[in-house]
Amino acid sequence: MTVNKEKVRLRLLNGSNARNYTFKLNTEDSFFQIATDGGLLNEPVSLKEITLTPSERAEIVVDFSKMKDVKDLALINEDGSVLLPFVVTDQSGKTSMLPKKLNDLSLEGKEVDLPVTKKVELFGMMDMVTINGKKFDPERIDFTQKQGVTEVWEIYNKPDMMGGMIHPFHIHGAQFKVISRDEKKPPENEQGWKDTISVKPDETVKIAVQFKHKGIYMFHCHILEHEDNGMMGQIQVD
């Protein structure tokens, strides 16, 4: 990608079937994350790297005018593989300011204090995968929820004998807010609208979920082989 010496906004999507990517600049320069899966963060978050599991998205702003070493500049993975090389021209480009305030999303106290009404246990790997001990059945409704009502879901990644692996948990038909990771406040760059959340082995994540429309929606691990092998369920919204 050819860029001028200016701020450039990039939309990152991990579209792989199973691999996690940790995006960073090979110069170790910082960049700003400004958005998550479903919209803008409240304010830019300065990062040196960002990890996305399958289907997760992020928008970042890279300021190429501040970089001293622009030769062989690239966005790379954690193993050094080049994901996107940049050619920086001698032109100054546009002068733009990154707003200090981007959104006014808040996690309301009543949402944090809600009891957990949905428990999701992710377990297994390869073709031995389940949600709450069951494989997907298109004739079965696993959960029900009322339209427009916020509920708290608790997602737990149960380790197996090998220790387990990260499961990217995804819900159709809704964006959610992350309440906590193992009862701790989520990182700043996860405090925005999400529809996919990475859950590490033996980790518990709580999310506030509201469906705006009626219907039957899927929830599943977004590793392609896992959802294909039954790590998926259905929720009916009335």
C-alpha atoms as a PDB file:
ATOM      1  CA  MET A   1       0.000   0.000   0.000  1.00  0.00           C
ATOM      2  CA  THR A   2       1.365   3.405  -0.997  1.00  0.00           C
ATOM      3  CA  VAL A   3       0.684   6.130   1.577  1.00  0.00           C
ATOM      4  CA  ASN A   4       1.607   9.768   2.084  1.00  0.00           C
ATOM      5  CA  LYS A   5       3.123  11.184   5.271  1.00  0.00           C
ATOM      6  CA  GLU A   6      -0.231  11.497   7.010  1.00  0.00           C
ATOM      7  CA  LYS A   7      -2.636   9.675   9.298  1.00  0.00           C
ATOM      8  CA  VAL A   8      -4.187   6.630   7.615  1.00  0.00           C
ATOM      9  CA  ARG A   9      -7.214   4.755   8.937  1.00  0.00           C
ATOM     10  CA  LEU A  10      -7.124   0.980   8.421  1.00  0.00           C
ATOM     11  CA  ARG A  11      -9.909  -1.560   8.966  1.00  0.00           C
ATOM     12  CA  LEU A  12      -8.517  -4.905  10.098  1.00  0.00           C
ATOM     13  CA  LEU A  13     -10.504  -8.121   9.766  1.00  0.00           C
ATOM     14  CA  ASN A  14      -9.296 -11.563  10.724  1.00  0.00           C
ATOM     15  CA  GLY A  15     -10.996 -13.601   8.005  1.00  0.00           C
ATOM     16  CA  SER A  16      -9.043 -16.803   8.631  1.00  0.00           C
ATOM     17  CA  ASN A  17     -10.733 -20.064   9.551  1.00  0.00           C
ATOM     18  CA  ALA A  18      -8.734 -20.676  12.732  1.00  0.00           C
ATOM     19  CA  ARG A  19      -5.554 -18.604  13.068  1.00  0.00           C
ATOM     20  CA  ASN A  20      -5.176 -15.726  15.505  1.00  0.00           C
ATOM     21  CA  TYR A  21      -3.211 -12.693  14.314  1.00  0.00           C
ATOM     22  CA  THR A  22      -1.257 -10.200  16.391  1.00  0.00           C
ATOM     23  CA  PHE A  23      -0.889  -7.112  14.222  1.00  0.00           C
ATOM     24  CA  LYS A  24       1.998  -4.709  14.811  1.00  0.00           C
ATOM     25  CA  LEU A  25       4.375  -2.432  12.912  1.00  0.00           C
ATOM     26  CA  ASN A  26       7.843  -3.819  12.265  1.00  0.00           C
ATOM     27  CA  THR A  27       9.301  -0.506  13.500  1.00  0.00           C
ATOM     28  CA  GLU A  28       7.566  -1.041  16.866  1.00  0.00           C
ATOM     29  CA  ASP A  29       5.851   2.336  16.464  1.00  0.00           C
ATOM     30  CA  SER A  30       2.530   2.835  18.242  1.00  0.00           C
ATOM     31  CA  PHE A  31      -0.805   3.283  16.529  1.00  0.00           C
ATOM     32  CA  PHE A  32      -4.297   4.140  17.768  1.00  0.00           C
ATOM     33  CA  GLN A  33      -7.250   1.811  17.834  1.00  0.00           C
ATOM     34  CA  ILE A  34     -10.457   3.778  17.286  1.00  0.00           C
ATOM     35  CA  ALA A  35     -13.123   1.109  16.709  1.00  0.00           C
ATOM     36  CA  THR A  36     -14.102  -2.476  17.491  1.00  0.00           C
ATOM     37  CA  ASP A  37     -16.354  -4.968  15.693  1.00  0.00           C
ATOM     38  CA  GLY A  38     -19.458  -2.809  15.901  1.00  0.00           C
ATOM     39  CA  GLY A  39     -18.408   0.821  16.153  1.00  0.00           C
ATOM     40  CA  LEU A  40     -16.220   3.552  17.554  1.00  0.00           C
ATOM     41  CA  LEU A  41     -14.551   3.408  20.948  1.00  0.00           C
ATOM     42  CA  ASN A  42     -15.181   6.325  23.281  1.00  0.00           C
ATOM     43  CA  GLU A  43     -11.633   7.575  22.736  1.00  0.00           C
ATOM     44  CA  PRO A  44      -8.529   6.462  20.803  1.00  0.00           C
ATOM     45  CA  VAL A  45      -6.428   3.807  22.540  1.00  0.00           C
ATOM     46  CA  SER A  46      -2.668   3.808  21.946  1.00  0.00           C
ATOM     47  CA  LEU A  47      -1.278   0.334  21.235  1.00  0.00           C
ATOM     48  CA  LYS A  48       1.865  -1.305  19.917  1.00  0.00           C
ATOM     49  CA  GLU A  49       0.024  -4.472  18.887  1.00  0.00           C
ATOM     50  CA  ILE A  50      -3.466  -5.886  18.677  1.00  0.00           C
ATOM     51  CA  THR A  51      -4.571  -9.528  18.578  1.00  0.00           C
ATOM     52  CA  LEU A  52      -7.660 -10.510  16.611  1.00  0.00           C
ATOM     53  CA  THR A  53      -9.229 -13.959  16.634  1.00  0.00           C
ATOM     54  CA  PRO A  54     -11.251 -15.196  13.622  1.00  0.00           C
ATOM     55  CA  SER A  55     -14.041 -12.734  12.664  1.00  0.00           C
ATOM     56  CA  GLU A  56     -12.901  -9.972  15.053  1.00  0.00           C
ATOM     57  CA  ARG A  57     -12.455  -6.507  13.530  1.00  0.00           C
ATOM     58  CA  ALA A  58     -10.655  -3.361  14.562  1.00  0.00           C
ATOM     59  CA  GLU A  59     -10.039   0.062  13.072  1.00  0.00           C
ATOM     60  CA  ILE A  60      -6.648   1.618  13.667  1.00  0.00           C
ATOM     61  CA  VAL A  61      -5.015   4.922  12.729  1.00  0.00           C
ATOM     62  CA  VAL A  62      -1.351   4.908  11.766  1.00  0.00           C
ATOM     63  CA  ASP A  63       0.447   8.267  11.647  1.00  0.00           C
ATOM     64  CA  PHE A  64       3.025   7.877   8.876  1.00  0.00           C
ATOM     65  CA  SER A  65       4.164  11.499   9.288  1.00  0.00           C
ATOM     66  CA  LYS A  66       5.704  10.663  12.694  1.00  0.00           C
ATOM     67  CA  MET A  67       7.794   7.704  11.545  1.00  0.00           C
ATOM     68  CA  LYS A  68      11.515   8.202  11.116  1.00  0.00           C
ATOM     69  CA  ASP A  69      12.347   4.831   9.578  1.00  0.00           C
ATOM     70  CA  VAL A  70      10.011   4.286   6.629  1.00  0.00           C
ATOM     71  CA  LYS A  71      12.177   1.901   4.619  1.00  0.00           C
ATOM     72  CA  ASP A  72      10.761  -1.645   4.433  1.00  0.00           C
ATOM     73  CA  LEU A  73       7.896  -0.506   6.657  1.00  0.00           C
ATOM     74  CA  ALA A  74       5.160  -3.126   7.126  1.00  0.00           C
ATOM     75  CA  LEU A  75       2.338  -4.396   9.252  1.00  0.00           C
ATOM     76  CA  ILE A  76       3.485  -7.804  10.496  1.00  0.00           C
ATOM     77  CA  ASN A  77       2.289 -10.790  12.502  1.00  0.00           C
ATOM     78  CA  GLU A  78       3.921 -11.777  15.812  1.00  0.00           C
ATOM     79  CA  ASP A  79       6.226 -14.225  14.016  1.00  0.00           C
ATOM     80  CA  GLY A  80       7.517 -11.472  11.718  1.00  0.00           C
ATOM     81  CA  SER A  81       5.490 -12.488   8.660  1.00  0.00           C
ATOM     82  CA  VAL A  82       4.676  -9.469   6.501  1.00  0.00           C
ATOM     83  CA  LEU A  83       0.928  -8.914   6.293  1.00  0.00           C
ATOM     84  CA  LEU A  84       0.859  -5.512   4.583  1.00  0.00           C
ATOM     85  CA  PRO A  85       3.951  -3.663   3.298  1.00  0.00           C
ATOM     86  CA  PHE A  86       3.845   0.135   3.056  1.00  0.00           C
ATOM     87  CA  VAL A  87       5.584   2.478   0.627  1.00  0.00           C
ATOM     88  CA  VAL A  88       5.713   5.975   2.137  1.00  0.00           C
ATOM     89  CA  THR A  89       5.971   8.803  -0.406  1.00  0.00           C
ATOM     90  CA  ASP A  90       7.754  12.116   0.117  1.00  0.00           C
ATOM     91  CA  GLN A  91       4.444  13.996   0.049  1.00  0.00           C
ATOM     92  CA  SER A  92       3.050  15.480   3.254  1.00  0.00           C
ATOM     93  CA  GLY A  93      -0.562  14.501   2.659  1.00  0.00           C
ATOM     94  CA  LYS A  94      -3.487  15.879   4.594  1.00  0.00           C
ATOM     95  CA  THR A  95      -3.126  17.330   8.077  1.00  0.00           C
ATOM     96  CA  SER A  96      -5.785  15.877  10.336  1.00  0.00           C
ATOM     97  CA  MET A  97      -6.418  15.683  14.058  1.00  0.00           C
ATOM     98  CA  LEU A  98      -7.556  12.546  15.831  1.00  0.00           C
ATOM     99  CA  PRO A  99     -10.563  13.504  18.007  1.00  0.00           C
ATOM    100  CA  LYS A 100     -10.126  12.931  21.730  1.00  0.00           C
ATOM    101  CA  LYS A 101     -13.768  11.855  22.035  1.00  0.00           C
ATOM    102  CA  LEU A 102     -15.275   9.498  19.469  1.00  0.00           C
ATOM    103  CA  ASN A 103     -18.331   7.984  21.155  1.00  0.00           C
ATOM    104  CA  ASP A 104     -20.348   8.071  24.380  1.00  0.00           C
ATOM    105  CA  LEU A 105     -20.951   4.360  24.924  1.00  0.00           C
ATOM    106  CA  SER A 106     -21.266   3.443  28.579  1.00  0.00           C
ATOM    107  CA  LEU A 107     -21.796   0.279  30.567  1.00  0.00           C
ATOM    108  CA  GLU A 108     -24.686   1.230  32.794  1.00  0.00           C
ATOM    109  CA  GLY A 109     -24.717   0.235  36.448  1.00  0.00           C
ATOM    110  CA  LYS A 110     -27.965  -1.656  36.012  1.00  0.00           C
ATOM    111  CA  GLU A 111     -26.344  -3.750  33.265  1.00  0.00           C
ATOM    112  CA  VAL A 112     -23.352  -4.621  35.454  1.00  0.00           C
ATOM    113  CA  ASP A 113     -25.642  -5.553  38.342  1.00  0.00           C
ATOM    114  CA  LEU A 114     -27.892  -7.845  36.312  1.00  0.00           C
ATOM    115  CA  PRO A 115     -27.754 -11.530  37.251  1.00  0.00           C
ATOM    116  CA  VAL A 116     -26.294 -14.032  34.807  1.00  0.00           C
ATOM    117  CA  THR A 117     -29.194 -15.608  32.897  1.00  0.00           C
ATOM    118  CA  LYS A 118     -27.310 -17.438  30.127  1.00  0.00           C
ATOM    119  CA  LYS A 119     -24.323 -19.723  30.760  1.00  0.00           C
ATOM    120  CA  VAL A 120     -22.266 -20.933  27.811  1.00  0.00           C
ATOM    121  CA  GLU A 121     -19.569 -23.562  28.307  1.00  0.00           C
ATOM    122  CA  LEU A 122     -17.197 -23.981  25.370  1.00  0.00           C
ATOM    123  CA  PHE A 123     -15.272 -27.242  25.368  1.00  0.00           C
ATOM    124  CA  GLY A 124     -13.003 -29.309  23.157  1.00  0.00           C
ATOM    125  CA  MET A 125     -11.014 -29.080  19.961  1.00  0.00           C
ATOM    126  CA  MET A 126     -10.954 -30.559  16.445  1.00  0.00           C
ATOM    127  CA  ASP A 127     -14.185 -32.572  15.983  1.00  0.00           C
ATOM    128  CA  MET A 128     -14.692 -33.177  19.719  1.00  0.00           C
ATOM    129  CA  VAL A 129     -16.330 -29.825  20.446  1.00  0.00           C
ATOM    130  CA  THR A 130     -19.506 -28.896  22.319  1.00  0.00           C
ATOM    131  CA  ILE A 131     -21.431 -26.005  23.830  1.00  0.00           C
ATOM    132  CA  ASN A 132     -22.914 -26.901  27.212  1.00  0.00           C
ATOM    133  CA  GLY A 133     -22.098 -30.523  26.493  1.00  0.00           C
ATOM    134  CA  LYS A 134     -24.148 -30.624  23.278  1.00  0.00           C
ATOM    135  CA  LYS A 135     -23.461 -30.509  19.564  1.00  0.00           C
ATOM    136  CA  PHE A 136     -25.576 -28.375  17.237  1.00  0.00           C
ATOM    137  CA  ASP A 137     -29.070 -29.590  16.379  1.00  0.00           C
ATOM    138  CA  PRO A 138     -31.006 -27.435  13.870  1.00  0.00           C
ATOM    139  CA  GLU A 139     -34.267 -28.675  15.423  1.00  0.00           C
ATOM    140  CA  ARG A 140     -33.304 -27.548  18.933  1.00  0.00           C
ATOM    141  CA  ILE A 141     -33.661 -24.077  20.473  1.00  0.00           C
ATOM    142  CA  ASP A 142     -30.988 -23.737  23.163  1.00  0.00           C
ATOM    143  CA  PHE A 143     -31.932 -20.336  24.610  1.00  0.00           C
ATOM    144  CA  THR A 144     -34.832 -17.874  24.489  1.00  0.00           C
ATOM    145  CA  GLN A 145     -34.706 -14.133  25.116  1.00  0.00           C
ATOM    146  CA  LYS A 146     -37.145 -11.229  24.937  1.00  0.00           C
ATOM    147  CA  GLN A 147     -36.741  -8.591  22.236  1.00  0.00           C
ATOM    148  CA  GLY A 148     -35.216  -5.371  23.598  1.00  0.00           C
ATOM    149  CA  VAL A 149     -34.333  -6.868  27.003  1.00  0.00           C
ATOM    150  CA  THR A 150     -30.692  -6.853  28.097  1.00  0.00           C
ATOM    151  CA  GLU A 151     -29.407 -10.072  29.628  1.00  0.00           C
ATOM    152  CA  VAL A 152     -25.985 -11.045  30.945  1.00  0.00           C
ATOM    153  CA  TRP A 153     -24.334 -14.035  29.313  1.00  0.00           C
ATOM    154  CA  GLU A 154     -21.428 -15.832  30.968  1.00  0.00           C
ATOM    155  CA  ILE A 155     -19.052 -17.587  28.567  1.00  0.00           C
ATOM    156  CA  TYR A 156     -16.611 -20.090  30.053  1.00  0.00           C
ATOM    157  CA  ASN A 157     -13.836 -21.869  28.146  1.00  0.00           C
ATOM    158  CA  LYS A 158     -13.450 -25.231  29.868  1.00  0.00           C
ATOM    159  CA  PRO A 159      -9.890 -26.606  29.575  1.00  0.00           C
ATOM    160  CA  ASP A 160      -9.350 -30.148  28.317  1.00  0.00           C
ATOM    161  CA  MET A 161      -6.551 -32.625  29.121  1.00  0.00           C
ATOM    162  CA  MET A 162      -4.242 -30.808  26.667  1.00  0.00           C
ATOM    163  CA  GLY A 163      -4.941 -27.441  28.275  1.00  0.00           C
ATOM    164  CA  GLY A 164      -7.407 -26.193  25.690  1.00  0.00           C
ATOM    165  CA  MET A 165      -7.273 -23.360  23.159  1.00  0.00           C
ATOM    166  CA  ILE A 166      -8.745 -19.923  22.569  1.00  0.00           C
ATOM    167  CA  HIS A 167     -12.342 -19.960  21.311  1.00  0.00           C
ATOM    168  CA  PRO A 168     -13.655 -16.834  19.540  1.00  0.00           C
ATOM    169  CA  PHE A 169     -17.321 -16.721  20.626  1.00  0.00           C
ATOM    170  CA  HIS A 170     -19.692 -15.023  18.172  1.00  0.00           C
ATOM    171  CA  ILE A 171     -23.387 -14.100  18.340  1.00  0.00           C
ATOM    172  CA  HIS A 172     -25.569 -13.378  15.301  1.00  0.00           C
ATOM    173  CA  GLY A 173     -28.168 -10.599  15.358  1.00  0.00           C
ATOM    174  CA  ALA A 174     -26.684  -8.513  18.172  1.00  0.00           C
ATOM    175  CA  GLN A 175     -23.774  -6.395  19.294  1.00  0.00           C
ATOM    176  CA  PHE A 176     -22.827  -6.698  22.958  1.00  0.00           C
ATOM    177  CA  LYS A 177     -20.856  -4.934  25.670  1.00  0.00           C
ATOM    178  CA  VAL A 178     -18.055  -6.714  27.527  1.00  0.00           C
ATOM    179  CA  ILE A 179     -18.666  -6.502  31.274  1.00  0.00           C
ATOM    180  CA  SER A 180     -15.652  -8.397  32.576  1.00  0.00           C
ATOM    181  CA  ARG A 181     -12.899 -10.935  32.018  1.00  0.00           C
ATOM    182  CA  ASP A 182     -12.510 -13.164  35.075  1.00  0.00           C
ATOM    183  CA  GLU A 183     -14.395 -10.516  37.072  1.00  0.00           C
ATOM    184  CA  LYS A 184     -11.941  -7.794  35.996  1.00  0.00           C
ATOM    185  CA  LYS A 185     -12.732  -4.770  33.859  1.00  0.00           C
ATOM    186  CA  PRO A 186     -12.003  -5.451  30.175  1.00  0.00           C
ATOM    187  CA  PRO A 187      -9.091  -3.714  28.413  1.00  0.00           C
ATOM    188  CA  GLU A 188      -9.798  -0.206  27.084  1.00  0.00           C
ATOM    189  CA  ASN A 189      -9.822  -1.390  23.479  1.00  0.00           C
ATOM    190  CA  GLU A 190     -12.605  -3.901  24.251  1.00  0.00           C
ATOM    191  CA  GLN A 191     -14.902  -1.285  25.785  1.00  0.00           C
ATOM    192  CA  GLY A 192     -16.911  -0.838  22.587  1.00  0.00           C
ATOM    193  CA  TRP A 193     -19.586  -2.722  20.668  1.00  0.00           C
ATOM    194  CA  LYS A 194     -18.533  -6.306  19.975  1.00  0.00           C
ATOM    195  CA  ASP A 195     -20.069  -9.358  18.340  1.00  0.00           C
ATOM    196  CA  THR A 196     -17.081 -11.685  18.769  1.00  0.00           C
ATOM    197  CA  ILE A 197     -15.019 -12.162  21.902  1.00  0.00           C
ATOM    198  CA  SER A 198     -11.913 -14.293  22.399  1.00  0.00           C
ATOM    199  CA  VAL A 199     -12.081 -16.551  25.435  1.00  0.00           C
ATOM    200  CA  LYS A 200      -8.881 -18.167  26.700  1.00  0.00           C
ATOM    201  CA  PRO A 201      -8.772 -21.616  28.346  1.00  0.00           C
ATOM    202  CA  ASP A 202     -10.220 -21.477  31.886  1.00  0.00           C
ATOM    203  CA  GLU A 203     -11.333 -17.876  31.333  1.00  0.00           C
ATOM    204  CA  THR A 204     -14.815 -16.545  32.061  1.00  0.00           C
ATOM    205  CA  VAL A 205     -16.178 -13.573  30.130  1.00  0.00           C
ATOM    206  CA  LYS A 206     -19.414 -11.767  30.952  1.00  0.00           C
ATOM    207  CA  ILE A 207     -21.249  -9.784  28.272  1.00  0.00           C
ATOM    208  CA  ALA A 208     -24.436  -7.673  28.181  1.00  0.00           C
ATOM    209  CA  VAL A 209     -26.563  -8.776  25.220  1.00  0.00           C
ATOM    210  CA  GLN A 210     -29.707  -7.214  23.755  1.00  0.00           C
ATOM    211  CA  PHE A 211     -31.503  -8.246  20.561  1.00  0.00           C
ATOM    212  CA  LYS A 212     -33.340  -5.486  18.689  1.00  0.00           C
ATOM    213  CA  HIS A 213     -35.223  -7.807  16.354  1.00  0.00           C
ATOM    214  CA  LYS A 214     -37.228 -11.002  16.758  1.00  0.00           C
ATOM    215  CA  GLY A 215     -36.065 -14.217  15.135  1.00  0.00           C
ATOM    216  CA  ILE A 216     -33.826 -17.240  15.582  1.00  0.00           C
ATOM    217  CA  TYR A 217     -30.106 -16.484  15.733  1.00  0.00           C
ATOM    218  CA  MET A 218     -26.938 -18.549  15.902  1.00  0.00           C
ATOM    219  CA  PHE A 219     -24.182 -18.400  18.492  1.00  0.00           C
ATOM    220  CA  HIS A 220     -20.987 -20.346  17.955  1.00  0.00           C
ATOM    221  CA  CYS A 221     -17.230 -20.594  18.081  1.00  0.00           C
ATOM    222  CA  HIS A 222     -15.927 -18.785  14.994  1.00  0.00           C
ATOM    223  CA  ILE A 223     -13.184 -21.318  14.276  1.00  0.00           C
ATOM    224  CA  LEU A 224     -14.608 -22.783  11.085  1.00  0.00           C
ATOM    225  CA  GLU A 225     -13.784 -26.402  11.935  1.00  0.00           C
ATOM    226  CA  HIS A 226     -15.371 -26.029  15.366  1.00  0.00           C
ATOM    227  CA  GLU A 227     -18.668 -24.591  14.189  1.00  0.00           C
ATOM    228  CA  ASP A 228     -18.808 -27.154  11.381  1.00  0.00           C
ATOM    229  CA  ASN A 229     -18.354 -29.922  13.939  1.00  0.00           C
ATOM    230  CA  GLY A 230     -21.201 -28.756  16.145  1.00  0.00           C
ATOM    231  CA  MET A 231     -19.858 -25.998  18.429  1.00  0.00           C
ATOM    232  CA  MET A 232     -22.964 -23.946  17.783  1.00  0.00           C
ATOM    233  CA  GLY A 233     -26.400 -23.245  19.233  1.00  0.00           C
ATOM    234  CA  GLN A 234     -29.586 -21.294  18.556  1.00  0.00           C
ATOM    235  CA  ILE A 235     -31.422 -18.577  20.456  1.00  0.00           C
ATOM    236  CA  GLN A 236     -35.025 -17.606  19.766  1.00  0.00           C
ATOM    237  CA  VAL A 237     -35.903 -13.960  20.340  1.00  0.00           C
ATOM    238  CA  ASP A 238     -39.626 -13.242  20.883  1.00  0.00           C
END
